[in-house]
Amino acid sequence: MAIYELVKNSYDADSSFVNVNFFNIQDKTNAIVTIEDNGTGLTSDVIENVWLEP
């Protein structure tokens, strides 16, 4: 579910692409998942004044 949510976040950030890569997934200790996009992201102001607002 976490990967699904991160891909949805990329879409919400107006990204034109999302790359999801899995490395060493058979080795739980060294497994790596990378998710890359070109979305706009959140500014510090939005995090503080929108997302952290009760």
C-alpha atoms as a PDB file:
ATOM      1  CA  MET A   1       0.000   0.000   0.000  1.00  0.00           C
ATOM      2  CA  ALA A   2       2.874   2.397   0.726  1.00  0.00           C
ATOM      3  CA  ILE A   3       4.196   2.160  -2.840  1.00  0.00           C
ATOM      4  CA  TYR A   4       0.685   2.683  -4.201  1.00  0.00           C
ATOM      5  CA  GLU A   5       0.320   5.840  -2.085  1.00  0.00           C
ATOM      6  CA  LEU A   6       3.676   7.208  -3.246  1.00  0.00           C
ATOM      7  CA  VAL A   7       2.728   6.684  -6.896  1.00  0.00           C
ATOM      8  CA  LYS A   8      -0.594   8.452  -6.228  1.00  0.00           C
ATOM      9  CA  ASN A   9       1.361  11.325  -4.648  1.00  0.00           C
ATOM     10  CA  SER A  10       3.399  11.629  -7.843  1.00  0.00           C
ATOM     11  CA  TYR A  11       0.188  11.968  -9.840  1.00  0.00           C
ATOM     12  CA  ASP A  12      -1.136  14.570  -7.386  1.00  0.00           C
ATOM     13  CA  ALA A  13       2.113  16.532  -7.809  1.00  0.00           C
ATOM     14  CA  ASP A  14       1.458  16.793 -11.572  1.00  0.00           C
ATOM     15  CA  SER A  15       4.303  14.453 -12.438  1.00  0.00           C
ATOM     16  CA  SER A  16       4.518  13.365 -16.073  1.00  0.00           C
ATOM     17  CA  PHE A  17       6.237  10.100 -15.133  1.00  0.00           C
ATOM     18  CA  VAL A  18       6.868   7.770 -12.209  1.00  0.00           C
ATOM     19  CA  ASN A  19       9.671   5.188 -12.115  1.00  0.00           C
ATOM     20  CA  VAL A  20       9.474   2.424  -9.519  1.00  0.00           C
ATOM     21  CA  ASN A  21      12.525   0.183  -9.186  1.00  0.00           C
ATOM     22  CA  PHE A  22      13.115  -2.841  -6.970  1.00  0.00           C
ATOM     23  CA  PHE A  23      16.642  -4.002  -6.138  1.00  0.00           C
ATOM     24  CA  ASN A  24      17.704  -7.094  -4.151  1.00  0.00           C
ATOM     25  CA  ILE A  25      14.108  -7.866  -3.211  1.00  0.00           C
ATOM     26  CA  GLN A  26      14.962 -11.456  -2.316  1.00  0.00           C
ATOM     27  CA  ASP A  27      17.317 -10.184   0.416  1.00  0.00           C
ATOM     28  CA  LYS A  28      15.147  -8.475   3.057  1.00  0.00           C
ATOM     29  CA  THR A  29      18.184  -6.938   4.756  1.00  0.00           C
ATOM     30  CA  ASN A  30      19.499  -5.241   1.601  1.00  0.00           C
ATOM     31  CA  ALA A  31      16.312  -4.721  -0.402  1.00  0.00           C
ATOM     32  CA  ILE A  32      15.858  -1.283  -1.946  1.00  0.00           C
ATOM     33  CA  VAL A  33      12.826   0.333  -3.548  1.00  0.00           C
ATOM     34  CA  THR A  34      13.255   3.650  -5.359  1.00  0.00           C
ATOM     35  CA  ILE A  35      10.434   5.837  -6.605  1.00  0.00           C
ATOM     36  CA  GLU A  36      11.301   8.791  -8.815  1.00  0.00           C
ATOM     37  CA  ASP A  37       9.107  11.416 -10.422  1.00  0.00           C
ATOM     38  CA  ASN A  38       9.274  14.970 -11.730  1.00  0.00           C
ATOM     39  CA  GLY A  39       6.384  16.346  -9.697  1.00  0.00           C
ATOM     40  CA  THR A  40       6.322  19.757  -8.083  1.00  0.00           C
ATOM     41  CA  GLY A  41       6.611  18.568  -4.480  1.00  0.00           C
ATOM     42  CA  LEU A  42       5.603  20.430  -1.334  1.00  0.00           C
ATOM     43  CA  THR A  43       7.117  23.625  -0.016  1.00  0.00           C
ATOM     44  CA  SER A  44       7.927  24.106   3.659  1.00  0.00           C
ATOM     45  CA  ASP A  45       5.107  26.657   3.810  1.00  0.00           C
ATOM     46  CA  VAL A  46       2.494  24.148   2.580  1.00  0.00           C
ATOM     47  CA  ILE A  47       3.708  21.467   4.997  1.00  0.00           C
ATOM     48  CA  GLU A  48       3.638  23.833   7.980  1.00  0.00           C
ATOM     49  CA  ASN A  49       0.480  25.815   7.188  1.00  0.00           C
ATOM     50  CA  VAL A  50      -1.711  23.240   5.417  1.00  0.00           C
ATOM     51  CA  TRP A  51      -0.728  19.688   6.383  1.00  0.00           C
ATOM     52  CA  LEU A  52       0.243  20.383  10.008  1.00  0.00           C
ATOM     53  CA  GLU A  53      -2.755  22.633  10.666  1.00  0.00           C
ATOM     54  CA  PRO A  54      -5.253  20.946  13.026  1.00  0.00           C
END
